Amino acid sequence: MIADFYVVQKQNFKISAIISPERDDGYKYTGGVNIKAIVVYFISAGLAYYWSSVNPIAVGATIPTFVLAFALYILACKVIKNK
């Protein structure tokens, strides 16, 4: 959500799309679900599990996972454009 608001949407959001989504399609996703965000979430959750339980890293799993999820979401939004 932080990457989406600050980087992808550049701190702009459409009140009309939130109040009346049937008239403004600014936030329409596949069936109401942001697939890119869900995929990035599962990738980062898997890495968090791996880095905390399977192969722990010295700095912990939280900060590297957050940074990776942030970067992956921005990259996914640039590579895969909404129709």
N, C-alpha and C. Protein backbone atom coordinates (compact mmCIF):
# COMPACT_ATOMS: atom_id res chain seq x y z
N MET A 1 0.82 -1.19 0.00
CA MET A 1 0.00 0.00 0.00
C MET A 1 0.86 1.25 0.00
N ILE A 2 1.96 1.21 0.69
CA ILE A 2 2.84 2.38 0.74
C ILE A 2 3.44 2.63 -0.63
N ALA A 3 3.93 1.59 -1.28
CA ALA A 3 4.50 1.73 -2.63
C ALA A 3 3.44 2.23 -3.60
N ASP A 4 2.24 1.70 -3.50
CA ASP A 4 1.17 2.10 -4.41
C ASP A 4 0.83 3.57 -4.24
N PHE A 5 0.67 4.02 -3.01
CA PHE A 5 0.27 5.41 -2.77
C PHE A 5 1.39 6.39 -3.10
N TYR A 6 2.59 6.16 -2.58
CA TYR A 6 3.66 7.15 -2.72
C TYR A 6 4.39 7.10 -4.06
N VAL A 7 4.58 5.91 -4.63
CA VAL A 7 5.38 5.80 -5.84
C VAL A 7 4.51 5.62 -7.09
N VAL A 8 3.63 4.63 -7.06
CA VAL A 8 2.84 4.31 -8.26
C VAL A 8 1.79 5.39 -8.52
N GLN A 9 1.02 5.75 -7.52
CA GLN A 9 -0.05 6.75 -7.68
C GLN A 9 0.45 8.18 -7.47
N LYS A 10 1.69 8.35 -7.04
CA LYS A 10 2.31 9.66 -6.79
C LYS A 10 1.47 10.54 -5.85
N GLN A 11 0.99 9.95 -4.78
CA GLN A 11 0.21 10.60 -3.73
C GLN A 11 -1.09 11.19 -4.23
N ASN A 12 -1.58 10.71 -5.33
CA ASN A 12 -2.88 11.15 -5.84
C ASN A 12 -3.87 10.00 -5.74
N PHE A 13 -5.04 10.30 -5.29
CA PHE A 13 -6.09 9.29 -5.32
C PHE A 13 -7.39 9.97 -5.70
N LYS A 14 -8.27 9.19 -6.29
CA LYS A 14 -9.53 9.73 -6.79
C LYS A 14 -10.64 9.44 -5.79
N ILE A 15 -11.13 10.48 -5.17
CA ILE A 15 -12.25 10.33 -4.24
C ILE A 15 -13.47 9.78 -4.97
N SER A 16 -13.70 10.26 -6.21
CA SER A 16 -14.87 9.82 -6.97
C SER A 16 -14.82 8.33 -7.26
N ALA A 17 -13.63 7.78 -7.49
CA ALA A 17 -13.50 6.35 -7.76
C ALA A 17 -13.77 5.52 -6.51
N ILE A 18 -13.50 6.09 -5.35
CA ILE A 18 -13.76 5.39 -4.09
C ILE A 18 -15.24 5.47 -3.74
N ILE A 19 -15.84 6.64 -3.93
CA ILE A 19 -17.25 6.84 -3.58
C ILE A 19 -18.17 6.18 -4.60
N SER A 20 -17.89 6.37 -5.88
CA SER A 20 -18.75 5.84 -6.95
C SER A 20 -17.93 5.02 -7.94
N PRO A 21 -17.54 3.80 -7.59
CA PRO A 21 -16.70 3.01 -8.48
C PRO A 21 -17.38 2.64 -9.80
N GLU A 22 -18.72 2.66 -9.83
CA GLU A 22 -19.41 2.33 -11.07
C GLU A 22 -19.29 3.43 -12.12
N ARG A 23 -19.01 4.66 -11.69
CA ARG A 23 -18.86 5.77 -12.64
C ARG A 23 -17.41 6.10 -12.95
N ASP A 24 -16.52 5.80 -12.04
CA ASP A 24 -15.10 6.12 -12.23
C ASP A 24 -14.29 4.85 -12.04
N ASP A 25 -13.61 4.42 -13.09
CA ASP A 25 -12.90 3.13 -13.03
C ASP A 25 -11.43 3.29 -12.63
N GLY A 26 -11.10 4.29 -11.85
CA GLY A 26 -9.72 4.54 -11.47
C GLY A 26 -9.07 3.44 -10.66
N TYR A 27 -9.87 2.65 -9.93
CA TYR A 27 -9.29 1.61 -9.08
C TYR A 27 -9.88 0.25 -9.38
N LYS A 28 -10.31 0.04 -10.60
CA LYS A 28 -10.86 -1.28 -10.95
C LYS A 28 -9.71 -2.25 -11.21
N TYR A 29 -9.83 -3.40 -10.59
CA TYR A 29 -8.84 -4.45 -10.77
C TYR A 29 -9.58 -5.69 -11.25
N THR A 30 -8.90 -6.77 -11.44
CA THR A 30 -9.50 -8.02 -11.90
C THR A 30 -10.46 -8.54 -10.85
N GLY A 31 -11.74 -8.42 -11.10
CA GLY A 31 -12.75 -8.88 -10.14
C GLY A 31 -12.66 -8.17 -8.81
N GLY A 32 -12.15 -6.95 -8.80
CA GLY A 32 -12.00 -6.20 -7.56
C GLY A 32 -10.75 -6.53 -6.78
N VAL A 33 -9.87 -7.36 -7.35
CA VAL A 33 -8.65 -7.78 -6.66
C VAL A 33 -7.43 -7.32 -7.46
N ASN A 34 -6.48 -6.72 -6.78
CA ASN A 34 -5.24 -6.30 -7.42
C ASN A 34 -4.31 -7.51 -7.47
N ILE A 35 -4.31 -8.19 -8.60
CA ILE A 35 -3.55 -9.43 -8.76
C ILE A 35 -2.05 -9.21 -8.55
N LYS A 36 -1.53 -8.08 -9.05
CA LYS A 36 -0.10 -7.79 -8.88
C LYS A 36 0.26 -7.73 -7.40
N ALA A 37 -0.57 -7.08 -6.61
CA ALA A 37 -0.30 -6.96 -5.18
C ALA A 37 -0.37 -8.32 -4.49
N ILE A 38 -1.31 -9.15 -4.89
CA ILE A 38 -1.44 -10.47 -4.28
C ILE A 38 -0.23 -11.34 -4.60
N VAL A 39 0.22 -11.31 -5.85
CA VAL A 39 1.40 -12.10 -6.25
C VAL A 39 2.64 -11.63 -5.47
N VAL A 40 2.84 -10.32 -5.39
CA VAL A 40 3.98 -9.78 -4.64
C VAL A 40 3.88 -10.16 -3.17
N TYR A 41 2.68 -10.15 -2.62
CA TYR A 41 2.48 -10.52 -1.23
C TYR A 41 2.93 -11.97 -0.98
N PHE A 42 2.49 -12.89 -1.85
CA PHE A 42 2.85 -14.29 -1.66
C PHE A 42 4.34 -14.52 -1.85
N ILE A 43 4.95 -13.83 -2.78
CA ILE A 43 6.41 -13.95 -2.96
C ILE A 43 7.14 -13.47 -1.70
N SER A 44 6.74 -12.30 -1.21
CA SER A 44 7.42 -11.76 -0.02
C SER A 44 7.11 -12.58 1.22
N ALA A 45 5.92 -13.12 1.35
CA ALA A 45 5.60 -13.98 2.50
C ALA A 45 6.43 -15.26 2.46
N GLY A 46 6.60 -15.81 1.27
CA GLY A 46 7.45 -17.00 1.13
C GLY A 46 8.89 -16.72 1.51
N LEU A 47 9.39 -15.57 1.05
CA LEU A 47 10.77 -15.21 1.40
C LEU A 47 10.91 -14.90 2.89
N ALA A 48 9.91 -14.30 3.48
CA ALA A 48 9.96 -14.04 4.92
C ALA A 48 10.03 -15.35 5.69
N TYR A 49 9.23 -16.32 5.28
CA TYR A 49 9.28 -17.64 5.92
C TYR A 49 10.65 -18.28 5.72
N TYR A 50 11.15 -18.23 4.49
CA TYR A 50 12.44 -18.84 4.18
C TYR A 50 13.56 -18.20 5.00
N TRP A 51 13.58 -16.85 5.01
CA TRP A 51 14.65 -16.15 5.71
C TRP A 51 14.52 -16.18 7.23
N SER A 52 13.35 -16.53 7.76
CA SER A 52 13.22 -16.59 9.21
C SER A 52 13.25 -18.02 9.75
N SER A 53 12.79 -19.00 8.98
CA SER A 53 12.71 -20.37 9.49
C SER A 53 13.68 -21.34 8.83
N VAL A 54 13.77 -21.31 7.52
CA VAL A 54 14.58 -22.30 6.79
C VAL A 54 16.05 -21.92 6.79
N ASN A 55 16.35 -20.70 6.39
CA ASN A 55 17.73 -20.23 6.28
C ASN A 55 17.81 -18.80 6.84
N PRO A 56 17.84 -18.67 8.17
CA PRO A 56 17.82 -17.33 8.77
C PRO A 56 19.01 -16.48 8.33
N ILE A 57 18.74 -15.20 8.14
CA ILE A 57 19.81 -14.26 7.81
C ILE A 57 20.09 -13.39 9.02
N ALA A 58 21.29 -12.84 9.07
CA ALA A 58 21.77 -12.13 10.26
C ALA A 58 20.92 -10.91 10.61
N VAL A 59 20.41 -10.19 9.62
CA VAL A 59 19.66 -8.95 9.90
C VAL A 59 18.19 -9.21 10.18
N GLY A 60 17.75 -10.45 10.09
CA GLY A 60 16.33 -10.77 10.26
C GLY A 60 15.62 -10.72 8.92
N ALA A 61 14.39 -11.15 8.92
CA ALA A 61 13.66 -11.26 7.66
C ALA A 61 12.75 -10.07 7.38
N THR A 62 12.39 -9.30 8.37
CA THR A 62 11.37 -8.27 8.20
C THR A 62 11.79 -7.14 7.26
N ILE A 63 12.91 -6.52 7.53
CA ILE A 63 13.32 -5.37 6.72
C ILE A 63 13.66 -5.77 5.29
N PRO A 64 14.45 -6.83 5.06
CA PRO A 64 14.70 -7.21 3.67
C PRO A 64 13.43 -7.59 2.91
N THR A 65 12.50 -8.24 3.59
CA THR A 65 11.25 -8.62 2.94
C THR A 65 10.43 -7.39 2.59
N PHE A 66 10.37 -6.41 3.48
CA PHE A 66 9.64 -5.18 3.21
C PHE A 66 10.24 -4.45 2.01
N VAL A 67 11.55 -4.32 1.98
CA VAL A 67 12.22 -3.62 0.88
C VAL A 67 11.99 -4.36 -0.44
N LEU A 68 12.09 -5.68 -0.40
CA LEU A 68 11.88 -6.47 -1.60
C LEU A 68 10.43 -6.36 -2.10
N ALA A 69 9.47 -6.44 -1.20
CA ALA A 69 8.06 -6.32 -1.60
C ALA A 69 7.78 -4.94 -2.18
N PHE A 70 8.34 -3.91 -1.58
CA PHE A 70 8.20 -2.53 -2.07
C PHE A 70 8.72 -2.43 -3.50
N ALA A 71 9.92 -2.93 -3.72
CA ALA A 71 10.54 -2.85 -5.05
C ALA A 71 9.83 -3.74 -6.07
N LEU A 72 9.43 -4.93 -5.66
CA LEU A 72 8.74 -5.84 -6.58
C LEU A 72 7.40 -5.27 -7.03
N TYR A 73 6.67 -4.63 -6.12
CA TYR A 73 5.37 -4.06 -6.49
C TYR A 73 5.55 -2.91 -7.48
N ILE A 74 6.53 -2.06 -7.24
CA ILE A 74 6.79 -0.95 -8.18
C ILE A 74 7.19 -1.51 -9.54
N LEU A 75 8.06 -2.50 -9.55
CA LEU A 75 8.48 -3.12 -10.80
C LEU A 75 7.30 -3.77 -11.52
N ALA A 76 6.45 -4.47 -10.78
CA ALA A 76 5.28 -5.12 -11.38
C ALA A 76 4.34 -4.08 -11.99
N CYS A 77 4.18 -2.95 -11.35
CA CYS A 77 3.30 -1.91 -11.87
C CYS A 77 3.87 -1.26 -13.12
N LYS A 78 5.19 -1.17 -13.21
CA LYS A 78 5.80 -0.59 -14.40
C LYS A 78 5.79 -1.57 -15.57
N VAL A 79 6.01 -2.85 -15.29
CA VAL A 79 6.09 -3.85 -16.35
C VAL A 79 4.69 -4.25 -16.83
N ILE A 80 3.75 -4.44 -15.91
CA ILE A 80 2.41 -4.89 -16.27
C ILE A 80 1.45 -3.71 -16.10
N LYS A 81 1.05 -3.13 -17.20
CA LYS A 81 0.14 -1.98 -17.18
C LYS A 81 -1.30 -2.46 -17.11
N ASN A 82 -2.14 -1.71 -16.37
CA ASN A 82 -3.58 -2.01 -16.33
C ASN A 82 -4.22 -1.61 -17.65
N LYS A 83 -5.23 -2.36 -18.04
CA LYS A 83 -5.93 -2.07 -19.30
C LYS A 83 -6.93 -0.98 -19.14
